[in-house]
Amino acid sequence: MKIAIVKLSALGDIVHAMVALQFVKQALPQIEIDWLVEERFAGVLQDNPDINQILTVNLKSLKANKLNLFSEIKKLRKYAKNNYDLVIDAQGLIKSAITARLLSAKPLSANSAGFDKNSSREKAAAYLYKNTVASPYDANTIDRNVAVIAKPLGFEISEQQILNKAAFIFYKESDEQLNQYFKKDQANILFVIGSTWASRNYPKEQYLKVIQGLNANSLIIWGNEQEQQSAQWIAERSDKAKVLPKLDFNQLKMVLARSDLVIGNDTGPTHMAWGLNKPSITLFGPTPVSRVYQTPINKVIKSPSIVNPLKLNKNDFSIKAIKVQAIIDLAQSLLGHN
């Protein structure tokens, strides 16, 4: 059996869907799995042994140049020649549903599946699938992702299986230049200080206080110029902090795996730590904690605001109300301190 999973973005959402792969292979050892993703996120899937082919599109480019649509359609028609037995849209958007439909070589979505109309952010997407899966939009994000992948294949993935998962983020050891940033005689804590929304970011002034309150080697990653400036601002004020250079996906996965603890906002690299089975603290403000699984080593701290998962408020800056000492105490606990 050959299937394709369509999960285009974003980074954290892709990670939450990837956890299903190991259980799909356990249930159906002979299955071949291809994954269609926005090309800028393909690196997170790289080297995963459960994926046969990573297929890429650049739908984001259509915002700047609508004429790119023709080249993207041509690309999808080429991919469709793989003759998939099943195409699963794990995104639930109209654009991903259309993408899944183009990826299907069979008539009228006869081999396609996705969320039903009451489970999708964009209800119209459901009409492009032959088979649909019910999973409330406000349910746990990871549960939703595994359900939409597993159920069309005829089985379910339990909460206990997810809690006992094997690490599923893979990388190649390289870049000895990064070794200089890590210390052998201290805990190495990786800080993820940026995200896609300003309101999801814990203030840099408070991150500085967390770093100062921990006896550790603190490393800061960044993804754009603004985040780099914030990272440098922190490092200039603390001899405990270092700013890592710009990282590609393989390097990012490697530094996450080498870290003793990851602390950061509700964003992709923090969720990747969960995928690597690395201790983590994820800080939540305007987004729901139902996006993650909490485990003995993966914890969350939520601001006092009440979040409606169906209507997120980008103007909710309550994350700044999270106490610095609460993060320090939890970090020390996860690092094995009393």
Protein backbone atom coordinates (compact mmCIF):
# COMPACT_ATOMS: atom_id res chain seq x y z
CA MET A 1 0.00 0.00 0.00
CA LYS A 2 1.27 3.45 -0.88
CA ILE A 3 -0.08 6.58 0.80
CA ALA A 4 0.66 10.30 0.80
CA ILE A 5 0.16 12.57 3.80
CA VAL A 6 -0.48 16.24 3.10
CA LYS A 7 0.65 18.41 5.99
CA LEU A 8 2.04 21.60 4.54
CA SER A 9 2.79 23.71 7.62
CA ALA A 10 3.51 25.01 10.20
CA LEU A 11 6.56 23.54 11.92
CA GLY A 12 4.88 22.59 15.21
CA ASP A 13 1.85 21.16 13.40
CA ILE A 14 4.08 18.99 11.22
CA VAL A 15 5.83 17.65 14.33
CA HIS A 16 2.48 16.83 15.94
CA ALA A 17 1.49 14.80 12.88
CA MET A 18 4.86 13.07 12.51
CA VAL A 19 4.36 11.18 15.75
CA ALA A 20 1.78 9.00 13.98
CA LEU A 21 4.33 7.56 11.53
CA GLN A 22 5.95 5.05 13.86
CA PHE A 23 2.56 3.60 14.78
CA VAL A 24 1.44 3.43 11.15
CA LYS A 25 4.56 1.41 10.35
CA GLN A 26 3.97 -0.85 13.35
CA ALA A 27 0.40 -1.56 12.24
CA LEU A 28 1.20 -1.81 8.52
CA PRO A 29 4.89 -2.73 8.14
CA GLN A 30 4.80 -2.91 4.32
CA ILE A 31 3.19 0.49 3.81
CA GLU A 32 5.01 3.17 1.81
CA ILE A 33 4.55 6.72 3.10
CA ASP A 34 5.26 9.90 1.17
CA TRP A 35 4.78 13.33 2.77
CA LEU A 36 3.85 16.53 0.94
CA VAL A 37 5.07 19.68 2.70
CA GLU A 38 5.92 23.32 2.04
CA GLU A 39 9.54 23.27 0.93
CA ARG A 40 10.71 25.59 3.70
CA PHE A 41 9.69 22.97 6.30
CA ALA A 42 11.00 19.88 4.51
CA GLY A 43 14.09 19.77 6.73
CA VAL A 44 12.15 18.70 9.80
CA LEU A 45 11.08 15.52 7.95
CA GLN A 46 14.54 14.77 6.60
CA ASP A 47 16.16 11.47 7.61
CA ASN A 48 12.96 10.03 9.09
CA PRO A 49 13.17 6.29 8.30
CA ASP A 50 9.37 5.93 8.16
CA ILE A 51 9.08 8.33 5.19
CA ASN A 52 9.82 7.04 1.71
CA GLN A 53 9.75 10.36 -0.14
CA ILE A 54 9.46 13.98 0.94
CA LEU A 55 7.51 15.87 -1.71
CA THR A 56 7.64 19.67 -1.66
CA VAL A 57 5.53 22.55 -2.89
CA ASN A 58 5.93 26.30 -2.57
CA LEU A 59 2.36 27.52 -2.18
CA LYS A 60 3.53 30.44 -0.08
CA SER A 61 5.14 31.90 -3.21
CA LEU A 62 1.66 32.35 -4.70
CA LYS A 63 1.09 35.34 -2.44
CA ALA A 64 3.87 37.19 -4.24
CA ASN A 65 3.31 35.78 -7.71
CA LYS A 66 0.00 34.16 -8.68
CA LEU A 67 1.54 32.86 -11.93
CA ASN A 68 3.51 30.34 -9.86
CA LEU A 69 0.23 28.47 -9.52
CA PHE A 70 0.78 26.75 -12.88
CA SER A 71 4.20 25.39 -11.94
CA GLU A 72 2.87 24.15 -8.60
CA ILE A 73 -0.05 22.34 -10.29
CA LYS A 74 2.39 20.78 -12.75
CA LYS A 75 4.48 19.59 -9.84
CA LEU A 76 1.47 18.00 -8.11
CA ARG A 77 0.38 16.24 -11.29
CA LYS A 78 3.85 14.78 -11.54
CA TYR A 79 3.63 13.56 -7.94
CA ALA A 80 0.19 12.07 -8.67
CA LYS A 81 1.86 9.63 -11.07
CA ASN A 82 2.96 7.74 -7.97
CA ASN A 83 -0.60 6.33 -7.98
CA TYR A 84 -1.34 6.54 -4.27
CA ASP A 85 -3.84 4.14 -2.77
CA LEU A 86 -4.76 6.82 -0.25
CA VAL A 87 -4.08 10.55 0.13
CA ILE A 88 -4.66 11.96 3.62
CA ASP A 89 -5.06 15.69 4.16
CA ALA A 90 -3.96 16.17 7.77
CA GLN A 91 -4.27 19.96 7.54
CA GLY A 92 -7.97 20.62 7.03
CA LEU A 93 -7.68 23.78 4.95
CA ILE A 94 -9.15 24.44 1.52
CA LYS A 95 -5.67 24.83 0.01
CA SER A 96 -4.48 21.54 1.52
CA ALA A 97 -7.68 19.76 0.45
CA ILE A 98 -7.24 20.98 -3.13
CA THR A 99 -3.60 19.96 -2.97
CA ALA A 100 -4.60 16.49 -1.77
CA ARG A 101 -7.18 16.27 -4.55
CA LEU A 102 -4.55 17.10 -7.20
CA LEU A 103 -2.24 14.53 -5.66
CA SER A 104 -4.88 11.86 -6.17
CA ALA A 105 -4.80 10.25 -9.59
CA LYS A 106 -8.18 8.59 -9.11
CA PRO A 107 -11.57 10.12 -10.00
CA LEU A 108 -13.39 12.50 -7.68
CA SER A 109 -11.25 11.97 -4.59
CA ALA A 110 -12.05 8.24 -4.48
CA ASN A 111 -8.87 7.63 -2.50
CA SER A 112 -8.77 10.73 -0.27
CA ALA A 113 -9.44 11.35 3.42
CA GLY A 114 -9.45 14.27 5.84
CA PHE A 115 -11.35 15.94 8.65
CA ASP A 116 -15.14 16.18 8.43
CA LYS A 117 -16.84 19.58 8.13
CA ASN A 118 -17.30 19.93 11.89
CA SER A 119 -13.64 19.20 12.58
CA SER A 120 -11.94 21.50 10.05
CA ARG A 121 -10.98 25.13 10.42
CA GLU A 122 -12.30 25.61 6.89
CA LYS A 123 -15.44 23.47 6.61
CA ALA A 124 -15.59 23.48 2.81
CA ALA A 125 -12.41 21.39 2.70
CA ALA A 126 -14.37 18.33 3.85
CA TYR A 127 -16.34 18.20 0.60
CA LEU A 128 -13.19 17.33 -1.34
CA TYR A 129 -12.61 14.02 0.49
CA LYS A 130 -14.18 10.62 -0.06
CA ASN A 131 -13.74 9.61 3.59
CA THR A 132 -13.87 11.93 6.59
CA VAL A 133 -12.74 11.72 10.20
CA ALA A 134 -14.50 13.36 13.14
CA SER A 135 -12.21 14.99 15.70
CA PRO A 136 -13.35 18.22 17.38
CA TYR A 137 -11.32 21.26 16.36
CA ASP A 138 -10.81 22.21 20.02
CA ALA A 139 -9.53 18.74 20.97
CA ASN A 140 -5.88 18.04 21.69
CA THR A 141 -3.89 18.91 18.56
CA ILE A 142 -1.74 15.79 18.68
CA ASP A 143 -4.79 13.53 19.13
CA ARG A 144 -6.40 15.19 16.11
CA ASN A 145 -3.34 14.68 13.95
CA VAL A 146 -2.92 11.01 14.77
CA ALA A 147 -6.65 10.36 14.36
CA VAL A 148 -6.88 11.82 10.85
CA ILE A 149 -3.89 9.72 9.77
CA ALA A 150 -4.67 6.43 11.52
CA LYS A 151 -8.44 6.09 11.20
CA PRO A 152 -8.57 6.08 7.36
CA LEU A 153 -6.02 3.24 7.58
CA GLY A 154 -8.34 1.22 9.82
CA PHE A 155 -6.77 1.52 13.26
CA GLU A 156 -6.43 3.91 16.19
CA ILE A 157 -3.49 5.26 18.14
CA SER A 158 -3.97 5.46 21.90
CA GLU A 159 -2.89 8.14 24.33
CA GLN A 160 -0.64 5.60 26.05
CA GLN A 161 1.13 4.83 22.78
CA ILE A 162 1.83 8.51 22.25
CA LEU A 163 3.12 8.90 25.80
CA ASN A 164 5.46 5.94 25.22
CA LYS A 165 6.57 7.07 21.76
CA ALA A 166 10.08 6.65 20.44
CA ALA A 167 11.88 9.84 19.42
CA PHE A 168 10.97 10.63 15.82
CA ILE A 169 13.12 13.63 14.87
CA PHE A 170 16.28 12.49 13.08
CA TYR A 171 19.47 14.27 12.04
CA LYS A 172 23.03 13.69 10.90
CA GLU A 173 25.90 14.44 13.27
CA SER A 174 27.91 17.31 11.82
CA ASP A 175 29.12 20.85 12.38
CA GLU A 176 31.84 20.47 14.98
CA GLN A 177 31.90 24.27 15.18
CA LEU A 178 28.73 24.07 17.29
CA ASN A 179 30.54 21.97 19.92
CA GLN A 180 32.24 25.10 21.26
CA TYR A 181 28.89 26.42 22.52
CA PHE A 182 28.18 23.43 24.75
CA LYS A 183 29.74 22.78 28.15
CA LYS A 184 30.48 19.39 29.68
CA ASP A 185 30.55 20.54 33.30
CA GLN A 186 27.23 22.44 33.25
CA ALA A 187 23.68 21.84 32.14
CA ASN A 188 23.06 23.18 28.65
CA ILE A 189 19.69 24.92 28.31
CA LEU A 190 18.39 25.96 24.90
CA PHE A 191 16.10 28.99 24.81
CA VAL A 192 13.55 29.48 22.02
CA ILE A 193 12.66 33.16 22.35
CA GLY A 194 10.71 33.81 19.14
CA SER A 195 7.47 32.73 17.48
CA THR A 196 5.13 33.85 14.71
CA TRP A 197 3.10 36.22 16.93
CA ALA A 198 4.45 38.94 19.19
CA SER A 199 1.87 38.00 21.82
CA ARG A 200 3.22 34.44 22.00
CA ASN A 201 6.67 35.69 22.98
CA TYR A 202 7.77 35.81 26.59
CA PRO A 203 9.48 39.20 27.08
CA LYS A 204 13.25 39.22 26.59
CA GLU A 205 13.67 41.07 29.89
CA GLN A 206 12.05 38.15 31.69
CA TYR A 207 14.02 35.56 29.74
CA LEU A 208 17.14 37.39 30.94
CA LYS A 209 16.00 37.01 34.56
CA VAL A 210 15.36 33.29 34.02
CA ILE A 211 18.86 32.83 32.60
CA GLN A 212 20.40 34.78 35.47
CA GLY A 213 18.48 32.65 37.97
CA LEU A 214 19.77 29.35 36.62
CA ASN A 215 23.23 27.89 37.11
CA ALA A 216 23.55 26.69 33.55
CA ASN A 217 25.03 27.34 30.14
CA SER A 218 22.21 29.10 28.29
CA LEU A 219 22.10 28.98 24.50
CA ILE A 220 19.68 31.08 22.46
CA ILE A 221 18.42 30.28 18.97
CA TRP A 222 16.81 32.72 16.57
CA GLY A 223 15.08 32.63 13.20
CA ASN A 224 14.95 36.22 11.96
CA GLU A 225 16.67 39.57 12.46
CA GLN A 226 14.34 40.73 15.22
CA GLU A 227 14.85 37.52 17.19
CA GLN A 228 18.60 37.78 16.66
CA GLN A 229 18.58 41.31 18.09
CA SER A 230 16.63 40.13 21.14
CA ALA A 231 19.03 37.23 21.62
CA GLN A 232 22.03 39.56 21.43
CA TRP A 233 20.36 41.97 23.86
CA ILE A 234 20.10 39.15 26.39
CA ALA A 235 23.65 37.89 25.81
CA GLU A 236 25.10 41.39 26.24
CA ARG A 237 23.60 41.49 29.73
CA SER A 238 24.49 37.99 30.92
CA ASP A 239 27.75 36.05 30.93
CA LYS A 240 25.63 32.89 31.18
CA ALA A 241 24.07 33.33 27.73
CA LYS A 242 25.40 32.69 24.24
CA VAL A 243 23.71 33.38 20.91
CA LEU A 244 23.97 30.48 18.48
CA PRO A 245 24.64 31.21 14.80
CA LYS A 246 21.96 30.89 12.16
CA LEU A 247 20.99 27.20 12.03
CA ASP A 248 19.68 25.03 9.24
CA PHE A 249 17.21 22.27 10.10
CA ASN A 250 19.83 19.59 10.63
CA GLN A 251 21.79 21.87 12.96
CA LEU A 252 18.62 22.85 14.81
CA LYS A 253 17.73 19.21 15.40
CA MET A 254 21.26 18.51 16.54
CA VAL A 255 21.41 21.33 19.12
CA LEU A 256 17.98 20.38 20.44
CA ALA A 257 19.16 16.80 20.89
CA ARG A 258 22.35 17.89 22.65
CA SER A 259 20.57 20.19 25.09
CA ASP A 260 19.66 19.07 28.60
CA LEU A 261 16.53 21.24 28.65
CA VAL A 262 14.61 23.38 26.16
CA ILE A 263 12.66 26.43 27.36
CA GLY A 264 10.60 28.48 24.96
CA ASN A 265 7.39 29.83 23.56
CA ASP A 266 4.62 27.80 21.92
CA THR A 267 6.47 27.38 18.63
CA GLY A 268 8.06 24.78 16.37
CA PRO A 269 11.48 24.14 17.95
CA THR A 270 9.94 23.73 21.42
CA HIS A 271 7.58 21.07 20.02
CA MET A 272 10.54 19.43 18.30
CA ALA A 273 12.07 18.91 21.75
CA TRP A 274 9.00 16.79 22.60
CA GLY A 275 9.55 14.87 19.36
CA LEU A 276 13.15 14.21 20.44
CA ASN A 277 12.07 13.13 23.95
CA LYS A 278 14.09 15.98 25.43
CA PRO A 279 13.01 17.77 28.63
CA SER A 280 11.14 20.97 27.83
CA ILE A 281 9.13 23.84 29.27
CA THR A 282 6.68 25.47 26.87
CA LEU A 283 5.27 28.89 27.78
CA PHE A 284 1.69 29.58 26.71
CA GLY A 285 -0.12 32.90 26.53
CA PRO A 286 -2.80 33.35 23.83
CA THR A 287 -2.76 29.71 22.67
CA PRO A 288 -4.24 26.61 24.34
CA VAL A 289 -2.16 24.07 26.23
CA SER A 290 -4.20 21.39 24.45
CA ARG A 291 -1.63 21.75 21.66
CA VAL A 292 0.77 19.48 23.54
CA TYR A 293 1.08 16.34 25.62
CA GLN A 294 2.50 16.89 29.08
CA THR A 295 4.82 14.16 30.30
CA PRO A 296 7.18 13.76 33.28
CA ILE A 297 9.82 15.64 31.26
CA ASN A 298 7.69 17.87 29.01
CA LYS A 299 5.89 20.57 30.98
CA VAL A 300 3.92 23.72 30.25
CA ILE A 301 3.31 26.96 32.10
CA LYS A 302 0.19 28.83 31.06
CA SER A 303 -0.57 32.50 31.62
CA PRO A 304 -3.78 33.35 33.55
CA SER A 305 -5.81 34.23 30.44
CA ILE A 306 -8.67 32.04 29.24
CA VAL A 307 -8.20 30.87 25.64
CA ASN A 308 -10.93 30.02 23.17
CA PRO A 309 -9.31 27.46 20.80
CA LEU A 310 -11.88 28.35 18.13
CA LYS A 311 -11.01 32.06 18.18
CA LEU A 312 -7.49 32.90 19.28
CA ASN A 313 -6.79 36.44 20.40
CA LYS A 314 -3.52 37.77 18.98
CA ASN A 315 -3.83 40.77 21.29
CA ASP A 316 -3.62 38.59 24.40
CA PHE A 317 -0.20 39.47 25.82
CA SER A 318 -0.81 37.68 29.11
CA ILE A 319 2.28 35.53 28.64
CA LYS A 320 4.24 38.30 30.35
CA ALA A 321 2.33 37.48 33.55
CA ILE A 322 4.10 34.13 33.87
CA LYS A 323 6.39 34.39 36.90
CA VAL A 324 10.12 34.15 36.30
CA GLN A 325 10.54 32.12 39.48
CA ALA A 326 7.96 29.57 38.32
CA ILE A 327 10.10 28.88 35.24
CA ILE A 328 13.30 28.70 37.29
CA ASP A 329 11.77 26.29 39.81
CA LEU A 330 10.41 24.00 37.12
CA ALA A 331 13.68 24.09 35.20
CA GLN A 332 15.64 23.11 38.28
CA SER A 333 13.22 20.28 38.92
CA LEU A 334 13.58 18.95 35.39
CA LEU A 335 17.37 19.19 35.62
CA GLY A 336 17.28 17.08 38.76
CA HIS A 337 17.86 19.82 41.33
CA ASN A 338 15.99 20.14 44.64
